[in-house]
PDB file of all heavy atoms in Angstrom:
ATOM      1  N   GLY A   1     117.346  83.933 114.248  1.00  0.00           N
ATOM      2  CA  GLY A   1     117.723  85.092 115.047  1.00  0.00           C
ATOM      3  C   GLY A   1     116.529  85.801 115.652  1.00  0.00           C
ATOM      4  O   GLY A   1     116.519  86.145 116.840  1.00  0.00           O
ATOM      5  N   ILE A   2     115.504  86.014 114.843  1.00  0.00           N
ATOM      6  CA  ILE A   2     114.331  86.760 115.309  1.00  0.00           C
ATOM      7  C   ILE A   2     113.468  85.936 116.248  1.00  0.00           C
ATOM      8  O   ILE A   2     113.073  86.395 117.326  1.00  0.00           O
ATOM      9  CB  ILE A   2     113.497  87.247 114.101  1.00  0.00           C
ATOM     10  CG1 ILE A   2     114.271  88.298 113.306  1.00  0.00           C
ATOM     11  CG2 ILE A   2     112.158  87.809 114.564  1.00  0.00           C
ATOM     12  CD1 ILE A   2     113.581  88.732 112.036  1.00  0.00           C
ATOM     13  N   PHE A   3     113.145  84.692 115.850  1.00  0.00           N
ATOM     14  CA  PHE A   3     112.159  83.904 116.588  1.00  0.00           C
ATOM     15  C   PHE A   3     112.751  83.059 117.711  1.00  0.00           C
ATOM     16  O   PHE A   3     112.016  82.626 118.602  1.00  0.00           O
ATOM     17  CB  PHE A   3     111.380  83.008 115.627  1.00  0.00           C
ATOM     18  CG  PHE A   3     110.574  83.783 114.616  1.00  0.00           C
ATOM     19  CD1 PHE A   3     110.906  83.750 113.275  1.00  0.00           C
ATOM     20  CD2 PHE A   3     109.504  84.571 115.017  1.00  0.00           C
ATOM     21  CE1 PHE A   3     110.166  84.471 112.335  1.00  0.00           C
ATOM     22  CE2 PHE A   3     108.755  85.293 114.092  1.00  0.00           C
ATOM     23  CZ  PHE A   3     109.097  85.257 112.755  1.00  0.00           C
ATOM     24  N   ILE A   4     114.045  82.800 117.688  1.00  0.00           N
ATOM     25  CA  ILE A   4     114.652  82.019 118.773  1.00  0.00           C
ATOM     26  C   ILE A   4     115.479  82.921 119.682  1.00  0.00           C
ATOM     27  O   ILE A   4     115.220  83.010 120.883  1.00  0.00           O
ATOM     28  CB  ILE A   4     115.523  80.875 118.208  1.00  0.00           C
ATOM     29  CG1 ILE A   4     114.655  79.900 117.391  1.00  0.00           C
ATOM     30  CG2 ILE A   4     116.219  80.135 119.363  1.00  0.00           C
ATOM     31  CD1 ILE A   4     115.445  78.786 116.725  1.00  0.00           C
ATOM     32  N   ILE A   5     116.455  83.619 119.132  1.00  0.00           N
ATOM     33  CA  ILE A   5     117.329  84.467 119.957  1.00  0.00           C
ATOM     34  C   ILE A   5     116.613  85.739 120.379  1.00  0.00           C
ATOM     35  O   ILE A   5     116.699  86.169 121.523  1.00  0.00           O
ATOM     36  CB  ILE A   5     118.632  84.781 119.191  1.00  0.00           C
ATOM     37  CG1 ILE A   5     119.422  83.490 118.971  1.00  0.00           C
ATOM     38  CG2 ILE A   5     119.472  85.814 119.944  1.00  0.00           C
ATOM     39  CD1 ILE A   5     120.642  83.638 118.097  1.00  0.00           C
ATOM     40  N   GLY A   6     115.885  86.363 119.453  1.00  0.00           N
ATOM     41  CA  GLY A   6     115.099  87.542 119.779  1.00  0.00           C
ATOM     42  C   GLY A   6     115.813  88.860 119.494  1.00  0.00           C
ATOM     43  O   GLY A   6     117.037  88.914 119.413  1.00  0.00           O
ATOM     44  N   ARG A   7     115.012  89.912 119.351  1.00  0.00           N
ATOM     45  CA  ARG A   7     115.541  91.241 119.043  1.00  0.00           C
ATOM     46  C   ARG A   7     115.881  92.004 120.319  1.00  0.00           C
ATOM     47  O   ARG A   7     115.341  91.740 121.384  1.00  0.00           O
ATOM     48  CB  ARG A   7     114.510  92.048 118.243  1.00  0.00           C
ATOM     49  CG  ARG A   7     114.187  91.484 116.880  1.00  0.00           C
ATOM     50  CD  ARG A   7     113.324  92.461 116.090  1.00  0.00           C
ATOM     51  NE  ARG A   7     112.034  92.687 116.729  1.00  0.00           N
ATOM     52  CZ  ARG A   7     110.940  91.992 116.476  1.00  0.00           C
ATOM     53  NH1 ARG A   7     110.973  91.011 115.603  1.00  0.00           N
ATOM     54  NH2 ARG A   7     109.806  92.271 117.086  1.00  0.00           N
ATOM     55  N   ILE A   8     116.764  92.980 120.173  1.00  0.00           N
ATOM     56  CA  ILE A   8     117.045  93.923 121.239  1.00  0.00           C
ATOM     57  C   ILE A   8     115.831  94.839 121.403  1.00  0.00           C
ATOM     58  O   ILE A   8     115.254  95.297 120.415  1.00  0.00           O
ATOM     59  CB  ILE A   8     118.295  94.764 120.910  1.00  0.00           C
ATOM     60  CG1 ILE A   8     119.541  93.871 120.946  1.00  0.00           C
ATOM     61  CG2 ILE A   8     118.457  95.931 121.886  1.00  0.00           C
ATOM     62  CD1 ILE A   8     120.786  94.570 120.455  1.00  0.00           C
ATOM     63  N   LYS A   9     115.448  95.094 122.625  1.00  0.00           N
ATOM     64  CA  LYS A   9     114.332  96.002 122.875  1.00  0.00           C
ATOM     65  C   LYS A   9     114.643  97.375 122.295  1.00  0.00           C
ATOM     66  O   LYS A   9     115.699  97.948 122.533  1.00  0.00           O
ATOM     67  CB  LYS A   9     114.086  96.122 124.382  1.00  0.00           C
ATOM     68  CG  LYS A   9     112.860  96.940 124.736  1.00  0.00           C
ATOM     69  CD  LYS A   9     112.647  96.977 126.236  1.00  0.00           C
ATOM     70  CE  LYS A   9     111.411  97.796 126.598  1.00  0.00           C
ATOM     71  NZ  LYS A   9     111.200  97.856 128.060  1.00  0.00           N
ATOM     72  N   GLY A  10     113.723  97.901 121.487  1.00  0.00           N
ATOM     73  CA  GLY A  10     113.937  99.189 120.835  1.00  0.00           C
ATOM     74  C   GLY A  10     114.346  99.053 119.379  1.00  0.00           C
ATOM     75  O   GLY A  10     114.364 100.042 118.646  1.00  0.00           O
ATOM     76  N   ILE A  11     114.681  97.816 118.928  1.00  0.00           N
ATOM     77  CA  ILE A  11     115.010  97.561 117.530  1.00  0.00           C
ATOM     78  C   ILE A  11     113.857  96.798 116.903  1.00  0.00           C
ATOM     79  O   ILE A  11     113.597  95.650 117.252  1.00  0.00           O
ATOM     80  CB  ILE A  11     116.312  96.743 117.388  1.00  0.00           C
ATOM     81  CG1 ILE A  11     117.487  97.506 117.991  1.00  0.00           C
ATOM     82  CG2 ILE A  11     116.580  96.406 115.930  1.00  0.00           C
ATOM     83  CD1 ILE A  11     117.859  98.754 117.237  1.00  0.00           C
ATOM     84  N   ALA A  12     113.148  97.448 115.983  1.00  0.00           N
ATOM     85  CA  ALA A  12     111.991  96.817 115.358  1.00  0.00           C
ATOM     86  C   ALA A  12     112.396  95.769 114.334  1.00  0.00           C
ATOM     87  O   ALA A  12     111.729  94.742 114.176  1.00  0.00           O
ATOM     88  CB  ALA A  12     111.107  97.877 114.686  1.00  0.00           C
ATOM     89  N   ARG A  13     113.480  96.021 113.613  1.00  0.00           N
ATOM     90  CA  ARG A  13     113.926  95.105 112.560  1.00  0.00           C
ATOM     91  C   ARG A  13     115.447  94.999 112.572  1.00  0.00           C
ATOM     92  O   ARG A  13     116.139  96.014 112.498  1.00  0.00           O
ATOM     93  CB  ARG A  13     113.485  95.607 111.182  1.00  0.00           C
ATOM     94  CG  ARG A  13     111.984  95.643 110.946  1.00  0.00           C
ATOM     95  CD  ARG A  13     111.414  94.243 110.759  1.00  0.00           C
ATOM     96  NE  ARG A  13     110.036  94.316 110.329  1.00  0.00           N
ATOM     97  CZ  ARG A  13     108.995  94.465 111.148  1.00  0.00           C
ATOM     98  NH1 ARG A  13     109.207  94.580 112.453  1.00  0.00           N
ATOM     99  NH2 ARG A  13     107.764  94.516 110.675  1.00  0.00           N
ATOM    100  N   PRO A  14     116.004  93.801 112.652  1.00  0.00           N
ATOM    101  CA  PRO A  14     117.449  93.647 112.498  1.00  0.00           C
ATOM    102  C   PRO A  14     117.853  93.821 111.038  1.00  0.00           C
ATOM    103  O   PRO A  14     117.009  93.729 110.137  1.00  0.00           O
ATOM    104  CB  PRO A  14     117.700  92.211 112.968  1.00  0.00           C
ATOM    105  CG  PRO A  14     116.409  91.511 112.697  1.00  0.00           C
ATOM    106  CD  PRO A  14     115.323  92.524 112.900  1.00  0.00           C
ATOM    107  N   GLY A  15     119.132  94.082 110.803  1.00  0.00           N
ATOM    108  CA  GLY A  15     119.620  94.268 109.438  1.00  0.00           C
ATOM    109  C   GLY A  15     120.916  93.521 109.206  1.00  0.00           C
ATOM    110  O   GLY A  15     121.778  93.461 110.093  1.00  0.00           O
ATOM    111  N   PHE A  16     121.073  92.944 108.017  1.00  0.00           N
ATOM    112  CA  PHE A  16     122.322  92.280 107.649  1.00  0.00           C
ATOM    113  C   PHE A  16     123.355  93.320 107.248  1.00  0.00           C
ATOM    114  O   PHE A  16     123.062  94.234 106.467  1.00  0.00           O
ATOM    115  CB  PHE A  16     122.098  91.329 106.472  1.00  0.00           C
ATOM    116  CG  PHE A  16     121.727  89.923 106.882  1.00  0.00           C
ATOM    117  CD1 PHE A  16     120.531  89.361 106.470  1.00  0.00           C
ATOM    118  CD2 PHE A  16     122.579  89.167 107.677  1.00  0.00           C
ATOM    119  CE1 PHE A  16     120.190  88.069 106.829  1.00  0.00           C
ATOM    120  CE2 PHE A  16     122.246  87.872 108.046  1.00  0.00           C
ATOM    121  CZ  PHE A  16     121.043  87.315 107.617  1.00  0.00           C
ATOM    122  N   MET A  17     124.576  93.160 107.754  1.00  0.00           N
ATOM    123  CA  MET A  17     125.631  94.140 107.486  1.00  0.00           C
ATOM    124  C   MET A  17     126.963  93.447 107.166  1.00  0.00           C
ATOM    125  O   MET A  17     127.629  92.920 108.057  1.00  0.00           O
ATOM    126  CB  MET A  17     125.822  95.064 108.687  1.00  0.00           C
ATOM    127  CG  MET A  17     126.839  96.173 108.462  1.00  0.00           C
ATOM    128  SD  MET A  17     127.442  96.873 110.011  1.00  0.00           S
ATOM    129  CE  MET A  17     128.464  95.513 110.614  1.00  0.00           C
ATOM    130  N   PRO A  18     127.387  93.443 105.899  1.00  0.00           N
ATOM    131  CA  PRO A  18     128.724  92.968 105.555  1.00  0.00           C
ATOM    132  C   PRO A  18     129.722  94.122 105.555  1.00  0.00           C
ATOM    133  O   PRO A  18     129.351  95.295 105.656  1.00  0.00           O
ATOM    134  CB  PRO A  18     128.535  92.435 104.137  1.00  0.00           C
ATOM    135  CG  PRO A  18     127.501  93.373 103.557  1.00  0.00           C
ATOM    136  CD  PRO A  18     126.588  93.758 104.711  1.00  0.00           C
ATOM    137  N   THR A  19     131.000  93.792 105.442  1.00  0.00           N
ATOM    138  CA  THR A  19     132.051  94.768 105.190  1.00  0.00           C
ATOM    139  C   THR A  19     132.531  94.556 103.762  1.00  0.00           C
ATOM    140  O   THR A  19     132.828  93.427 103.366  1.00  0.00           O
ATOM    141  CB  THR A  19     133.229  94.603 106.162  1.00  0.00           C
ATOM    142  OG1 THR A  19     132.742  94.707 107.506  1.00  0.00           O
ATOM    143  CG2 THR A  19     134.277  95.679 105.929  1.00  0.00           C
ATOM    144  N   LEU A  20     132.594  95.630 102.980  1.00  0.00           N
ATOM    145  CA  LEU A  20     132.915  95.552 101.561  1.00  0.00           C
ATOM    146  C   LEU A  20     134.161  96.369 101.241  1.00  0.00           C
ATOM    147  O   LEU A  20     134.509  97.298 101.971  1.00  0.00           O
ATOM    148  CB  LEU A  20     131.724  96.057 100.739  1.00  0.00           C
ATOM    149  CG  LEU A  20     130.433  95.244 100.919  1.00  0.00           C
ATOM    150  CD1 LEU A  20     129.263  95.956 100.243  1.00  0.00           C
ATOM    151  CD2 LEU A  20     130.591  93.840 100.384  1.00  0.00           C
ATOM    152  N   PRO A  21     134.856  96.061 100.142  1.00  0.00           N
ATOM    153  CA  PRO A  21     136.120  96.738  99.831  1.00  0.00           C
ATOM    154  C   PRO A  21     135.940  98.130  99.241  1.00  0.00           C
ATOM    155  O   PRO A  21     134.888  98.453  98.678  1.00  0.00           O
ATOM    156  CB  PRO A  21     136.752  95.802  98.786  1.00  0.00           C
ATOM    157  CG  PRO A  21     135.582  95.171  98.105  1.00  0.00           C
ATOM    158  CD  PRO A  21     134.541  94.986  99.185  1.00  0.00           C
ATOM    159  N   VAL A  22     136.971  98.949  99.380  1.00  0.00           N
ATOM    160  CA  VAL A  22     137.049 100.253  98.715  1.00  0.00           C
ATOM    161  C   VAL A  22     138.409 100.358  98.028  1.00  0.00           C
ATOM    162  O   VAL A  22     139.349  99.641  98.378  1.00  0.00           O
ATOM    163  CB  VAL A  22     136.858 101.436  99.685  1.00  0.00           C
ATOM    164  CG1 VAL A  22     135.465 101.425 100.281  1.00  0.00           C
ATOM    165  CG2 VAL A  22     137.911 101.404 100.793  1.00  0.00           C
ATOM    166  N   LYS A  23     138.532 101.271  97.087  1.00  0.00           N
ATOM    167  CA  LYS A  23     139.732 101.303  96.252  1.00  0.00           C
ATOM    168  C   LYS A  23     140.951 101.927  96.931  1.00  0.00           C
ATOM    169  O   LYS A  23     142.081 101.604  96.578  1.00  0.00           O
ATOM    170  CB  LYS A  23     139.443 102.049  94.945  1.00  0.00           C
ATOM    171  CG  LYS A  23     139.206 103.549  95.101  1.00  0.00           C
ATOM    172  CD  LYS A  23     138.909 104.203  93.758  1.00  0.00           C
ATOM    173  CE  LYS A  23     138.787 105.717  93.886  1.00  0.00           C
ATOM    174  NZ  LYS A  23     138.450 106.361  92.606  1.00  0.00           N
ATOM    175  N   ASN A  24     140.748 102.812  97.886  1.00  0.00           N
ATOM    176  CA  ASN A  24     141.874 103.581  98.427  1.00  0.00           C
ATOM    177  C   ASN A  24     142.248 103.212  99.857  1.00  0.00           C
ATOM    178  O   ASN A  24     142.952 103.948 100.539  1.00  0.00           O
ATOM    179  CB  ASN A  24     141.549 105.078  98.365  1.00  0.00           C
ATOM    180  CG  ASN A  24     140.274 105.423  99.119  1.00  0.00           C
ATOM    181  OD1 ASN A  24     139.579 104.538  99.608  1.00  0.00           O
ATOM    182  ND2 ASN A  24     139.963 106.702  99.206  1.00  0.00           N
ATOM    183  N   SER A  25     141.755 102.074 100.344  1.00  0.00           N
ATOM    184  CA  SER A  25     142.025 101.704 101.725  1.00  0.00           C
ATOM    185  C   SER A  25     141.811 100.210 101.906  1.00  0.00           C
ATOM    186  O   SER A  25     141.058  99.584 101.148  1.00  0.00           O
ATOM    187  CB  SER A  25     141.115 102.481 102.680  1.00  0.00           C
ATOM    188  OG  SER A  25     141.209 101.991 103.993  1.00  0.00           O
ATOM    189  N   ASP A  26     142.436  99.632 102.915  1.00  0.00           N
ATOM    190  CA  ASP A  26     142.201  98.240 103.254  1.00  0.00           C
ATOM    191  C   ASP A  26     141.097  98.085 104.297  1.00  0.00           C
ATOM    192  O   ASP A  26     140.771  96.967 104.694  1.00  0.00           O
ATOM    193  CB  ASP A  26     143.492  97.611 103.790  1.00  0.00           C
ATOM    194  CG  ASP A  26     144.544  97.434 102.707  1.00  0.00           C
ATOM    195  OD1 ASP A  26     144.161  97.251 101.528  1.00  0.00           O
ATOM    196  OD2 ASP A  26     145.745  97.490 103.032  1.00  0.00           O
ATOM    197  N   ASP A  27     140.539  99.208 104.750  1.00  0.00           N
ATOM    198  CA  ASP A  27     139.525  99.153 105.796  1.00  0.00           C
ATOM    199  C   ASP A  27     138.156  98.721 105.290  1.00  0.00           C
ATOM    200  O   ASP A  27     137.390  98.104 106.013  1.00  0.00           O
ATOM    201  CB  ASP A  27     139.394 100.526 106.475  1.00  0.00           C
ATOM    202  CG  ASP A  27     140.614 100.866 107.309  1.00  0.00           C
ATOM    203  OD1 ASP A  27     141.253  99.935 107.820  1.00  0.00           O
ATOM    204  OD2 ASP A  27     140.923 102.062 107.438  1.00  0.00           O
ATOM    205  N   GLY A  28     137.824  99.070 104.045  1.00  0.00           N
ATOM    206  CA  GLY A  28     136.506  98.758 103.523  1.00  0.00           C
ATOM    207  C   GLY A  28     135.428  99.644 104.130  1.00  0.00           C
ATOM    208  O   GLY A  28     135.702 100.624 104.820  1.00  0.00           O
ATOM    209  N   PHE A  29     134.182  99.278 103.874  1.00  0.00           N
ATOM    210  CA  PHE A  29     133.054 100.007 104.461  1.00  0.00           C
ATOM    211  C   PHE A  29     131.944  99.029 104.800  1.00  0.00           C
ATOM    212  O   PHE A  29     131.848  97.934 104.229  1.00  0.00           O
ATOM    213  CB  PHE A  29     132.537 101.102 103.510  1.00  0.00           C
ATOM    214  CG  PHE A  29     131.741 100.579 102.328  1.00  0.00           C
ATOM    215  CD1 PHE A  29     130.350 100.599 102.344  1.00  0.00           C
ATOM    216  CD2 PHE A  29     132.376 100.079 101.200  1.00  0.00           C
ATOM    217  CE1 PHE A  29     129.617 100.131 101.264  1.00  0.00           C
ATOM    218  CE2 PHE A  29     131.656  99.617 100.102  1.00  0.00           C
ATOM    219  CZ  PHE A  29     130.268  99.635 100.143  1.00  0.00           C
ATOM    220  N   ASN A  30     131.105  99.404 105.763  1.00  0.00           N
ATOM    221  CA  ASN A  30     129.952  98.595 106.151  1.00  0.00           C
ATOM    222  C   ASN A  30     128.704  99.094 105.447  1.00  0.00           C
ATOM    223  O   ASN A  30     128.479 100.309 105.365  1.00  0.00           O
ATOM    224  CB  ASN A  30     129.728  98.662 107.661  1.00  0.00           C
ATOM    225  CG  ASN A  30     130.816  97.960 108.439  1.00  0.00           C
ATOM    226  OD1 ASN A  30     131.553  98.591 109.193  1.00  0.00           O
ATOM    227  ND2 ASN A  30     130.949  96.663 108.258  1.00  0.00           N
ATOM    228  N   MET A  31     127.891  98.160 104.953  1.00  0.00           N
ATOM    229  CA  MET A  31     126.615  98.535 104.354  1.00  0.00           C
ATOM    230  C   MET A  31     125.495  97.762 105.039  1.00  0.00           C
ATOM    231  O   MET A  31     125.601  96.557 105.252  1.00  0.00           O
ATOM    232  CB  MET A  31     126.598  98.248 102.847  1.00  0.00           C
ATOM    233  CG  MET A  31     125.330  98.737 102.168  1.00  0.00           C
ATOM    234  SD  MET A  31     125.491  98.855 100.364  1.00  0.00           S
ATOM    235  CE  MET A  31     125.691  97.131  99.937  1.00  0.00           C
ATOM    236  N   ILE A  32     124.442  98.469 105.414  1.00  0.00           N
ATOM    237  CA  ILE A  32     123.317  97.886 106.120  1.00  0.00           C
ATOM    238  C   ILE A  32     122.033  98.583 105.672  1.00  0.00           C
ATOM    239  O   ILE A  32     122.024  99.794 105.546  1.00  0.00           O
ATOM    240  CB  ILE A  32     123.524  97.995 107.654  1.00  0.00           C
ATOM    241  CG1 ILE A  32     122.454  97.245 108.421  1.00  0.00           C
ATOM    242  CG2 ILE A  32     123.600  99.451 108.112  1.00  0.00           C
ATOM    243  CD1 ILE A  32     122.733  97.118 109.933  1.00  0.00           C
ATOM    244  N   ASP A  33     121.014  97.887 105.367  1.00  0.00           N
ATOM    245  CA  ASP A  33     120.706  96.476 105.369  1.00  0.00           C
ATOM    246  C   ASP A  33     120.918  95.912 103.960  1.00  0.00           C
ATOM    247  O   ASP A  33     120.661  96.606 102.985  1.00  0.00           O
ATOM    248  CB  ASP A  33     119.251  96.306 105.814  1.00  0.00           C
ATOM    249  CG  ASP A  33     118.718  94.900 105.746  1.00  0.00           C
ATOM    250  OD1 ASP A  33     119.487  93.951 105.929  1.00  0.00           O
ATOM    251  OD2 ASP A  33     117.508  94.747 105.511  1.00  0.00           O
ATOM    252  N   VAL A  34     121.344  94.639 103.870  1.00  0.00           N
ATOM    253  CA  VAL A  34     121.570  94.052 102.558  1.00  0.00           C
ATOM    254  C   VAL A  34     120.672  92.842 102.318  1.00  0.00           C
ATOM    255  O   VAL A  34     121.045  91.923 101.603  1.00  0.00           O
ATOM    256  CB  VAL A  34     123.047  93.671 102.351  1.00  0.00           C
ATOM    257  CG1 VAL A  34     123.940  94.897 102.406  1.00  0.00           C
ATOM    258  CG2 VAL A  34     123.500  92.617 103.342  1.00  0.00           C
ATOM    259  N   GLY A  35     119.475  92.856 102.918  1.00  0.00           N
ATOM    260  CA  GLY A  35     118.543  91.804 102.565  1.00  0.00           C
ATOM    261  C   GLY A  35     117.689  91.230 103.660  1.00  0.00           C
ATOM    262  O   GLY A  35     116.861  90.356 103.410  1.00  0.00           O
TER     263      GLY A  35
END
């Protein structure tokens, strides 16, 4: 992603973002960065 596709101008570091579950909704939540 970084060395072939490249970053968006103005973004110094990309971040991994999954969607994770929560107890009171089916929507979940996003957490970034995860590694």
